[in-house]
Structure formats: C-alpha cells, structure tokens
C-alpha cells in the first residue's frame, strides 16, 4: 500500500491503536490535540500534531483551526477516533470530504445508526433480539411506559452518544428511584427510550464491513466499566466466542445497512437466562486496542475501504480473532474505586481486594493507552495533575481563531514541514 497521510480527529483512547497500526503499516499519522488528548501528541506513532480547543461538549470552536491546518498541510484520509470526533465530522461532513477521504460509513448509514429509535424499528423489522421498549416525549409518557413495561427498566437517550443527566443511561429499580433520578424532563432531549432492563454484561462487536459484507468481527464481553452500574466505558474486557443471537443480529444489520467501514455493535447478554437485547451501533472505531491484539486489523482495513483498495478477508469473518484476549483501562478502574471510597460506597476490605485485582490486571492485560514501546502518553496521562498547567495555551481555549495570514499553532513533536519519517513504529 502506498504511504498515505492520515489525520485523526478526536483524541480519546481509541486513537492510540489506530495511530500505531497505521504507522506500522507505513503511513504518516497526524492529529489535532486538545487539553483532553491523553497526550496523543507524545506518541512515537504520530508524525505531527497541532493544538485546538476541545471538541467536547459538542461545540465547533475547533473547526476553523482544523480546516486551516488541513488547507496548509493536505492529507489523504481523515478518521474520527472518538465520540466527539465522529459527531464533529458528521456536522461538517461536506467540509471534510472536500479535503480528504473519510474513514467512516456513508452519511445515510451514520444518520441511521445514531438514531436509536430508527435502529430499534429496524431490529423489529429484521428480527434482531430486542427487549420490549417504548418511545416517550414527556413525563406523562415516561410514567405510562414504566407502568406498561414494569421494573426494573432502563431509560436512555434516543440519540447515540448523548447523555442523560450526565449518564449514558439510567437503570431504574422502582417508581421511587425513577422520581428521584428524573425529577423533570431533560429539555435537551425531545425523545427518550424506556426499555425493559436486561441484567448482564455488555457485549461489543468490533467489525469491519464492505457494502454489507462482514469482513471480520470480534466479540468482547465487558466485565467492568467506569460506572458502578455497568453503564459506562469498558475498563476490563475479554474476547469471547460469538453469542449466536449477537452474531445473527450483527450480520442482519450490517447487510441491511450496506455498511462499509469499521464499527461497533453493542448488545446486552444475560448470563443466567441467555436473554439478549440490542443496544446500538456506534459508526466509528471503538475498543481498538483489544480488537487489534485479538487479530482483527480493522485500522488498516478501514483505511483500505476508504481508499478503494481490496481487503483480503477470511471466508468466516468470525474466525479472525483469538479468544480470551484481555483488555484493561486501569485509570478508569482506579478513578471509579477512588470515587467510591470517597463516598463510602465500598468497604475498606473490598476496596483493597479490588485494588489488588486492578494491579494484577494491569500486569497481565493489553492496555487502553500504555504500550511498553510507546510509554510517554501513559506517563503523561498519569502525571497529568502535575503537568497539566503546561497545556494552558491560548489556542486550547474556546473561541480561539488564528489571525488571518498568521501561522497556525506550532507543531507538537513535528519537523518544520510538519512531517517525520514514515513508519517510526
């Protein structure tokens, strides 16, 4: 494959395995970074970086800075590598498509996947496993849906990656908890989904597909998340054999959507009853570290799909990956434990046992960010409380726009021409 210049948009944990895989494949990776970048600019797999204001919480202050950089330093391909990055490119897709090819599904596919109401209707049409649910637009509808579905239930936004009172979803045990958790209707949500709660871990399927043909897939069971009720981001996961209903659901949805690119389909699987329910499809890269370690080269496949190059995929897309590969996001585990200790939500003995297990997992698992051959980003992340003041540059601040004719923000870890020799990895 010809060496290409790739720009990563969004600087979350998902960026690190993508940068590593593409750099090792001989490509030159560039990135915009903000104060929440997890020190992506320190990675040896990033050829150059520049600063911009954060993409969260859904603002567009960074747009003129990023477009200005792209106009001055053209790239071949652009890839979103975070929730905020995906939403950001979706809002300004035409501007980015005018400058490079995108590693993401077609606009229509992204729009459908990010609409949970549309996806739930599609699941019902295709016969994909789905727990009973209701769409509601106000508190009266919410109360009626709760009475019909029964408790326990889960309340979630109708839009993928949106939050509800600061959470990805609310798990409600009874009417009293519903009144406490939702004292009023959240004005930012015109619609919510109320659904029967299926108890069990989240199973994420990381996949690559070409016009509805599944190329490769990895099923990952999330044993722990960064929220106490399991609704947050995965902090400990393991690759498992494909669950029949999950496999069937992914294949049906990918085929119907004529999906092309990488993605992440999520289901809940009850370990006692075997009940399965669809959650969502995130039309972006996710859990990249564990899928790459398990043998799915989805970062390179995504690049090939975006540039029209053939992908040599196996006959059975589910035979690609290794089972039993473990992944850990140690900082997420530690942050949850610290917060629970502060709130007296965990006994000292239990806290010590969990801390011990976190330490064991840190030694034995693939990490979200840490790589022994690329250690600086992880060192920066864990030292952030001491060095974050170094990031107080004006170009990080909302509303910062480069002066016309003036140079863009200086490169971070980059040669004067914003490049470095390819394939540093």
Protein backbone atom coordinates (compact mmCIF):
# COMPACT_ATOMS: atom_id res chain seq x y z
CA UNK A 1 0.00 0.00 0.00
CA UNK A 2 1.29 3.48 -0.88
CA UNK A 3 2.27 5.59 2.12
CA UNK A 4 -0.60 7.95 2.94
CA UNK A 5 -1.04 10.96 5.23
CA UNK A 6 -3.79 10.30 7.75
CA UNK A 7 -5.40 12.86 10.06
CA UNK A 8 -7.06 11.65 13.27
CA UNK A 9 -9.94 13.78 14.58
CA UNK A 10 -10.67 13.37 18.27
CA UNK A 11 -8.02 12.46 20.82
CA UNK A 12 -9.55 9.80 23.02
CA UNK A 13 -8.12 6.38 23.96
CA UNK A 14 -9.34 4.88 20.68
CA UNK A 15 -6.77 6.98 18.80
CA UNK A 16 -3.71 5.11 20.09
CA UNK A 17 -4.19 1.68 18.48
CA UNK A 18 -5.26 3.34 15.22
CA UNK A 19 -2.15 5.52 15.14
CA UNK A 20 0.08 2.56 15.95
CA UNK A 21 -1.46 0.22 13.36
CA UNK A 22 -1.39 2.79 10.56
CA UNK A 23 2.14 3.96 11.39
CA UNK A 24 3.41 0.39 11.44
CA UNK A 25 1.75 -0.15 8.06
CA UNK A 26 3.94 2.65 6.67
CA UNK A 27 1.59 5.63 6.84
CA UNK A 28 2.17 9.05 8.39
CA UNK A 29 -0.31 9.89 11.13
CA UNK A 30 -1.20 13.43 12.20
CA UNK A 31 -3.53 14.59 14.93
CA UNK A 32 -5.21 17.61 16.38
CA UNK A 33 -4.89 17.58 20.17
CA UNK A 34 -6.67 19.38 22.98
CA UNK A 35 -6.43 19.51 26.75
CA UNK A 36 -8.22 16.13 26.89
CA UNK A 37 -5.93 14.36 24.43
CA UNK A 38 -4.44 11.74 26.79
CA UNK A 39 -1.11 13.04 25.44
CA UNK A 40 -1.62 11.58 21.97
CA UNK A 41 0.93 14.13 20.72
CA UNK A 42 3.62 12.30 22.70
CA UNK A 43 3.13 9.02 20.86
CA UNK A 44 6.03 7.85 18.72
CA UNK A 45 3.46 6.76 16.12
CA UNK A 46 2.24 10.33 15.50
CA UNK A 47 4.28 12.20 12.87
CA UNK A 48 2.91 15.63 13.76
CA UNK A 49 0.25 17.36 15.84
CA UNK A 50 -1.31 20.76 16.40
CA UNK A 51 -3.47 22.24 19.13
CA UNK A 52 -7.14 23.15 19.03
CA UNK A 53 -9.89 23.79 21.56
CA UNK A 54 -11.71 20.65 22.81
CA UNK A 55 -14.40 19.04 20.66
CA UNK A 56 -16.48 18.35 23.75
CA UNK A 57 -19.19 19.14 24.64
CA UNK A 58 -20.25 19.28 21.01
CA UNK A 59 -19.02 22.78 20.18
CA UNK A 60 -17.45 23.92 16.90
CA UNK A 61 -14.74 26.32 18.12
CA UNK A 62 -12.07 23.97 16.77
CA UNK A 63 -13.46 23.93 13.22
CA UNK A 64 -11.59 26.94 11.73
CA UNK A 65 -8.32 25.79 13.31
CA UNK A 66 -8.61 22.24 11.95
CA UNK A 67 -9.70 23.34 8.47
CA UNK A 68 -6.93 25.93 8.40
CA UNK A 69 -4.36 23.25 9.21
CA UNK A 70 -5.74 20.89 6.56
CA UNK A 71 -5.62 23.62 3.93
CA UNK A 72 -1.98 24.33 4.73
CA UNK A 73 -0.96 20.69 5.19
CA UNK A 74 -3.15 18.46 2.98
CA UNK A 75 -3.75 14.84 3.97
CA UNK A 76 -5.12 11.87 2.05
CA UNK A 77 -7.51 10.44 4.63
CA UNK A 78 -9.34 11.68 7.74
CA UNK A 79 -10.64 9.42 10.52
CA UNK A 80 -12.71 10.25 13.62
CA UNK A 81 -11.40 8.33 16.64
CA UNK A 82 -13.80 9.37 19.39
CA UNK A 83 -17.49 10.01 20.00
CA UNK A 84 -16.94 13.76 19.85
CA UNK A 85 -14.80 13.43 16.73
CA UNK A 86 -17.45 11.38 14.97
CA UNK A 87 -20.19 13.88 15.79
CA UNK A 88 -17.91 16.77 14.81
CA UNK A 89 -17.15 15.36 11.36
CA UNK A 90 -20.81 14.42 10.85
CA UNK A 91 -21.87 18.02 11.48
CA UNK A 92 -19.32 19.32 8.96
CA UNK A 93 -19.00 16.34 6.67
CA UNK A 94 -19.05 18.31 3.41
CA UNK A 95 -16.14 20.48 4.54
CA UNK A 96 -14.01 17.46 5.41
CA UNK A 97 -14.99 15.44 2.34
CA UNK A 98 -13.83 18.35 0.19
CA UNK A 99 -10.36 17.96 1.71
CA UNK A 100 -9.81 14.18 2.00
CA UNK A 101 -11.45 10.77 2.04
CA UNK A 102 -13.16 9.77 5.28
CA UNK A 103 -12.72 6.53 7.21
CA UNK A 104 -16.34 6.25 8.27
CA UNK A 105 -19.59 4.89 6.80
CA UNK A 106 -21.74 6.76 4.30
CA UNK A 107 -23.69 9.74 5.67
CA UNK A 108 -27.04 7.91 5.47
CA UNK A 109 -25.64 4.95 7.43
CA UNK A 110 -24.21 7.21 10.12
CA UNK A 111 -27.51 9.06 10.45
CA UNK A 112 -29.45 5.81 10.87
CA UNK A 113 -27.00 4.30 13.36
CA UNK A 114 -27.03 7.42 15.53
CA UNK A 115 -30.83 7.36 15.75
CA UNK A 116 -31.72 4.70 18.33
CA UNK A 117 -35.42 4.96 17.52
CA UNK A 118 -34.71 4.13 13.87
CA UNK A 119 -32.36 1.30 14.84
CA UNK A 120 -34.88 -0.23 17.23
CA UNK A 121 -37.52 -0.14 14.49
CA UNK A 122 -35.03 -1.79 12.15
CA UNK A 123 -34.31 -4.52 14.72
CA UNK A 124 -38.02 -5.26 14.97
CA UNK A 125 -38.29 -5.48 11.17
CA UNK A 126 -35.25 -7.76 10.81
CA UNK A 127 -35.96 -9.91 13.86
CA UNK A 128 -32.86 -8.83 15.79
CA UNK A 129 -33.02 -9.60 19.53
CA UNK A 130 -34.55 -6.59 21.32
CA UNK A 131 -36.14 -6.17 24.76
CA UNK A 132 -39.61 -4.51 24.96
CA UNK A 133 -39.41 -0.71 24.77
CA UNK A 134 -41.43 2.47 24.34
CA UNK A 135 -40.60 5.90 22.88
CA UNK A 136 -41.64 8.79 25.11
CA UNK A 137 -41.72 12.58 24.66
CA UNK A 138 -42.73 13.81 28.11
CA UNK A 139 -43.04 12.85 31.77
CA UNK A 140 -46.58 11.55 31.36
CA UNK A 141 -45.43 9.24 28.58
CA UNK A 142 -42.49 8.16 30.70
CA UNK A 143 -44.74 7.19 33.61
CA UNK A 144 -47.12 5.33 31.30
CA UNK A 145 -44.27 3.42 29.64
CA UNK A 146 -42.85 2.45 33.04
CA UNK A 147 -46.23 1.11 34.13
CA UNK A 148 -46.58 -0.91 30.92
CA UNK A 149 -43.05 -2.33 30.77
CA UNK A 150 -42.57 -2.82 34.51
CA UNK A 151 -39.48 -2.55 36.68
CA UNK A 152 -36.53 -2.78 36.53
CA UNK A 153 -36.16 -0.68 33.41
CA UNK A 154 -33.60 1.47 31.65
CA UNK A 155 -34.09 5.00 30.32
CA UNK A 156 -31.74 6.14 27.58
CA UNK A 157 -31.41 8.96 25.04
CA UNK A 158 -32.82 8.33 21.57
CA UNK A 159 -29.52 9.53 20.05
CA UNK A 160 -26.30 7.51 20.20
CA UNK A 161 -23.54 9.02 22.39
CA UNK A 162 -25.86 11.59 24.01
CA UNK A 163 -26.07 11.77 27.80
CA UNK A 164 -29.00 11.81 30.21
CA UNK A 165 -28.36 13.75 33.43
CA UNK A 166 -24.65 13.15 32.91
CA UNK A 167 -25.01 9.41 32.31
CA UNK A 168 -25.15 7.25 29.19
CA UNK A 169 -28.34 5.66 30.58
CA UNK A 170 -30.33 5.39 33.80
CA UNK A 171 -31.09 1.99 35.34
CA UNK A 172 -34.28 2.29 37.39
CA UNK A 173 -35.31 -0.28 40.01
CA UNK A 174 -38.72 1.12 41.02
CA UNK A 175 -41.07 4.11 40.83
CA UNK A 176 -39.38 5.89 43.74
CA UNK A 177 -35.99 5.69 42.04
CA UNK A 178 -37.50 6.94 38.78
CA UNK A 179 -38.87 10.02 40.55
CA UNK A 180 -35.50 10.63 42.18
CA UNK A 181 -33.39 10.06 39.06
CA UNK A 182 -35.68 12.07 36.74
CA UNK A 183 -37.33 14.87 38.70
CA UNK A 184 -38.13 16.67 35.43
CA UNK A 185 -37.96 16.17 31.69
CA UNK A 186 -34.49 16.99 30.26
CA UNK A 187 -35.02 19.87 27.84
CA UNK A 188 -32.19 18.82 25.52
CA UNK A 189 -33.98 15.54 24.68
CA UNK A 190 -37.12 15.70 22.52
CA UNK A 191 -37.46 11.93 22.92
CA UNK A 192 -36.25 9.18 25.25
CA UNK A 193 -36.44 5.40 25.13
CA UNK A 194 -37.81 3.37 28.05
CA UNK A 195 -36.88 -0.30 27.88
CA UNK A 196 -37.07 -3.46 29.94
CA UNK A 197 -33.79 -3.87 31.80
CA UNK A 198 -31.85 -6.98 30.89
CA UNK A 199 -29.26 -7.72 33.57
CA UNK A 200 -25.88 -8.74 32.23
CA UNK A 201 -22.61 -7.53 30.75
CA UNK A 202 -22.36 -5.51 27.57
CA UNK A 203 -21.08 -7.46 24.58
CA UNK A 204 -19.42 -5.25 21.97
CA UNK A 205 -18.75 -6.50 18.46
CA UNK A 206 -15.95 -4.62 16.71
CA UNK A 207 -16.32 -5.22 13.00
CA UNK A 208 -15.26 -4.19 9.52
CA UNK A 209 -17.59 -4.48 6.54
CA UNK A 210 -17.63 -3.75 2.83
CA UNK A 211 -21.01 -2.77 1.33
CA UNK A 212 -22.89 -5.02 3.71
CA UNK A 213 -20.42 -7.93 3.62
CA UNK A 214 -18.91 -8.62 7.01
CA UNK A 215 -15.12 -8.90 6.69
CA UNK A 216 -14.13 -9.56 10.27
CA UNK A 217 -15.63 -9.28 13.76
CA UNK A 218 -14.52 -9.60 17.39
CA UNK A 219 -16.96 -10.07 20.29
CA UNK A 220 -15.82 -8.54 23.59
CA UNK A 221 -17.53 -9.01 26.95
CA UNK A 222 -17.22 -6.01 29.26
CA UNK A 223 -16.62 -7.44 32.73
CA UNK A 224 -16.15 -3.97 34.29
CA UNK A 225 -16.95 -0.38 33.35
CA UNK A 226 -16.06 3.02 34.78
CA UNK A 227 -19.56 3.41 36.24
CA UNK A 228 -20.73 1.39 39.25
CA UNK A 229 -23.87 0.13 37.44
CA UNK A 230 -22.12 -1.05 34.28
CA UNK A 231 -23.38 1.74 32.01
CA UNK A 232 -20.03 3.43 31.39
CA UNK A 233 -16.98 2.77 29.25
CA UNK A 234 -15.29 -0.62 29.41
CA UNK A 235 -12.43 -0.82 31.91
CA UNK A 236 -11.94 -4.59 31.68
CA UNK A 237 -12.99 -6.73 28.74
CA UNK A 238 -12.22 -10.13 27.26
CA UNK A 239 -12.77 -11.59 23.80
CA UNK A 240 -15.27 -14.46 23.82
CA UNK A 241 -16.85 -16.91 21.39
CA UNK A 242 -19.59 -15.21 19.36
CA UNK A 243 -23.02 -15.36 21.03
CA UNK A 244 -25.41 -16.86 18.44
CA UNK A 245 -28.08 -14.15 18.72
CA UNK A 246 -25.44 -11.41 18.77
CA UNK A 247 -23.74 -12.84 15.68
CA UNK A 248 -27.05 -13.16 13.88
CA UNK A 249 -28.04 -9.60 14.79
CA UNK A 250 -24.76 -8.07 13.62
CA UNK A 251 -24.90 -9.90 10.29
CA UNK A 252 -28.50 -8.85 9.63
CA UNK A 253 -27.92 -5.20 10.49
CA UNK A 254 -24.64 -4.87 8.58
CA UNK A 255 -26.22 -6.44 5.48
CA UNK A 256 -29.39 -4.32 5.62
CA UNK A 257 -27.44 -1.08 6.14
CA UNK A 258 -24.99 -1.98 3.34
CA UNK A 259 -22.41 -0.95 5.94
CA UNK A 260 -18.92 -0.05 4.71
CA UNK A 261 -16.11 0.82 7.16
CA UNK A 262 -15.42 -0.10 10.78
CA UNK A 263 -17.99 -0.02 13.56
CA UNK A 264 -19.06 -1.25 16.99
CA UNK A 265 -22.35 -3.05 17.65
CA UNK A 266 -23.41 -3.44 21.28
CA UNK A 267 -25.75 -5.94 22.94
CA UNK A 268 -26.59 -6.97 26.49
CA UNK A 269 -26.37 -10.70 27.22
CA UNK A 270 -27.87 -12.10 30.44
CA UNK A 271 -25.53 -14.85 31.72
CA UNK A 272 -28.30 -16.69 33.60
CA UNK A 273 -31.28 -16.61 31.23
CA UNK A 274 -29.43 -16.17 27.96
CA UNK A 275 -31.68 -13.25 27.05
CA UNK A 276 -30.13 -10.87 24.51
CA UNK A 277 -31.06 -7.33 23.59
CA UNK A 278 -29.61 -4.92 21.04
CA UNK A 279 -28.24 -1.62 22.37
CA UNK A 280 -26.75 0.38 19.49
CA UNK A 281 -24.27 0.58 16.66
CA UNK A 282 -21.53 3.19 17.01
CA UNK A 283 -20.43 4.04 13.45
CA UNK A 284 -16.82 4.61 14.45
CA UNK A 285 -13.75 2.85 15.78
CA UNK A 286 -14.06 1.59 19.36
CA UNK A 287 -12.12 -0.75 21.70
CA UNK A 288 -9.39 -0.71 19.08
CA UNK A 289 -6.62 -1.98 21.35
CA UNK A 290 -8.26 -5.28 22.22
CA UNK A 291 -9.54 -5.97 18.70
CA UNK A 292 -6.11 -5.30 17.20
CA UNK A 293 -4.47 -7.52 19.84
CA UNK A 294 -7.02 -10.23 19.10
CA UNK A 295 -6.04 -10.27 15.44
CA UNK A 296 -8.54 -8.03 13.66
CA UNK A 297 -6.56 -5.45 11.61
CA UNK A 298 -9.53 -3.14 11.38
CA UNK A 299 -7.47 0.06 11.36
CA UNK A 300 -5.70 -0.94 8.15
CA UNK A 301 -8.90 -2.43 6.71
CA UNK A 302 -10.76 0.83 7.41
CA UNK A 303 -8.09 2.75 5.52
CA UNK A 304 -8.22 0.33 2.58
CA UNK A 305 -12.01 0.52 2.41
CA UNK A 306 -11.92 4.32 2.43
CA UNK A 307 -9.36 4.43 -0.39
CA UNK A 308 -10.96 1.74 -2.56
CA UNK A 309 -8.31 -0.93 -2.03
CA UNK A 310 -9.18 -4.64 -1.78
CA UNK A 311 -9.25 -6.34 1.62
CA UNK A 312 -8.13 -9.97 1.86
CA UNK A 313 -10.69 -11.19 4.40
CA UNK A 314 -11.24 -14.80 5.56
CA UNK A 315 -14.27 -16.82 4.45
CA UNK A 316 -15.60 -16.82 8.02
CA UNK A 317 -15.44 -13.27 9.46
CA UNK A 318 -15.79 -14.62 12.99
CA UNK A 319 -12.75 -16.90 12.67
CA UNK A 320 -10.28 -13.99 12.54
CA UNK A 321 -9.84 -13.31 16.22
CA UNK A 322 -8.27 -15.01 19.21
CA UNK A 323 -10.49 -15.80 22.18
CA UNK A 324 -9.51 -14.97 25.74
CA UNK A 325 -7.57 -11.79 24.93
CA UNK A 326 -7.96 -9.36 27.84
CA UNK A 327 -8.05 -5.57 27.87
CA UNK A 328 -7.85 -3.08 30.71
CA UNK A 329 -8.28 0.67 31.15
CA UNK A 330 -6.51 0.96 34.51
CA UNK A 331 -7.12 4.66 35.02
CA UNK A 332 -10.88 4.15 34.61
CA UNK A 333 -10.81 1.35 37.20
CA UNK A 334 -8.81 3.45 39.64
CA UNK A 335 -10.99 6.54 39.18
CA UNK A 336 -14.15 4.57 39.95
CA UNK A 337 -12.61 2.96 43.03
CA UNK A 338 -11.31 6.28 44.36
CA UNK A 339 -14.70 7.93 43.92
CA UNK A 340 -16.48 5.05 45.67
CA UNK A 341 -14.04 5.16 48.58
CA UNK A 342 -14.59 8.92 48.93
CA UNK A 343 -18.36 8.37 49.02
CA UNK A 344 -18.08 5.44 51.46
CA UNK A 345 -19.72 3.18 48.85
CA UNK A 346 -17.21 0.37 49.35
CA UNK A 347 -15.83 -1.23 52.50
CA UNK A 348 -12.05 -0.99 53.15
CA UNK A 349 -11.52 -4.73 52.71
CA UNK A 350 -13.43 -4.84 49.44
CA UNK A 351 -11.56 -1.77 48.21
CA UNK A 352 -8.22 -3.45 48.95
CA UNK A 353 -9.26 -6.61 47.12
CA UNK A 354 -10.37 -4.59 44.10
CA UNK A 355 -7.15 -2.58 44.12
CA UNK A 356 -5.17 -5.82 44.17
CA UNK A 357 -7.14 -7.17 41.21
CA UNK A 358 -6.65 -3.91 39.31
CA UNK A 359 -2.90 -4.26 39.84
CA UNK A 360 -2.89 -7.88 38.66
CA UNK A 361 -4.92 -6.98 35.56
CA UNK A 362 -2.58 -4.09 34.82
CA UNK A 363 0.32 -6.54 34.66
CA UNK A 364 -1.45 -9.17 32.57
CA UNK A 365 -3.71 -7.37 30.07
CA UNK A 366 -3.45 -5.24 26.96
CA UNK A 367 -3.84 -1.57 27.95
CA UNK A 368 -6.06 1.14 26.54
CA UNK A 369 -3.12 3.57 26.26
CA UNK A 370 0.05 2.09 27.75
CA UNK A 371 2.45 0.39 25.35
CA UNK A 372 5.94 -0.60 26.59
CA UNK A 373 7.39 0.51 23.23
CA UNK A 374 5.44 3.79 23.32
CA UNK A 375 5.26 4.70 27.04
CA UNK A 376 5.21 8.52 27.01
CA UNK A 377 1.44 9.05 26.51
CA UNK A 378 0.61 6.85 29.50
CA UNK A 379 3.22 8.63 31.62
CA UNK A 380 1.66 11.93 30.64
CA UNK A 381 -1.83 10.71 31.48
CA UNK A 382 -0.88 9.52 34.97
CA UNK A 383 1.22 12.64 35.62
CA UNK A 384 -1.45 15.00 34.32
CA UNK A 385 -2.25 16.51 37.69
CA UNK A 386 1.37 17.73 37.87
CA UNK A 387 1.93 18.86 34.29
CA UNK A 388 -1.49 19.96 33.02
CA UNK A 389 -0.58 23.61 33.60
CA UNK A 390 1.83 23.26 30.67
CA UNK A 391 -1.21 22.92 28.43
CA UNK A 392 -2.59 26.38 29.16
CA UNK A 393 -2.00 27.68 25.66
CA UNK A 394 -4.41 30.25 24.18
CA UNK A 395 -5.13 28.02 21.18
CA UNK A 396 -6.75 25.47 23.51
CA UNK A 397 -9.37 27.97 24.60
CA UNK A 398 -12.91 28.15 23.15
CA UNK A 399 -13.27 30.88 20.58
CA UNK A 400 -9.58 30.97 19.61
CA UNK A 401 -9.18 31.54 15.87
CA UNK A 402 -5.86 32.06 14.05
CA UNK A 403 -5.29 35.58 12.78
CA UNK A 404 -5.61 35.81 9.01
CA UNK A 405 -2.20 35.38 7.41
CA UNK A 406 -0.59 34.34 10.69
CA UNK A 407 0.87 30.85 11.15
CA UNK A 408 -1.28 28.17 12.69
CA UNK A 409 -0.40 26.80 16.15
CA UNK A 410 3.09 25.40 16.30
CA UNK A 411 3.60 21.70 15.73
CA UNK A 412 3.93 19.32 18.62
CA UNK A 413 6.60 16.62 18.10
CA UNK A 414 6.98 17.53 14.44
CA UNK A 415 9.60 18.61 11.92
CA UNK A 416 9.41 22.13 10.44
CA UNK A 417 7.41 20.76 7.49
CA UNK A 418 5.01 19.01 9.90
CA UNK A 419 6.28 15.57 8.95
CA UNK A 420 8.56 12.92 10.25
CA UNK A 421 9.97 9.84 8.59
CA UNK A 422 7.23 7.28 7.94
CA UNK A 423 6.80 4.01 9.84
CA UNK A 424 8.55 5.11 13.02
CA UNK A 425 6.83 2.16 14.72
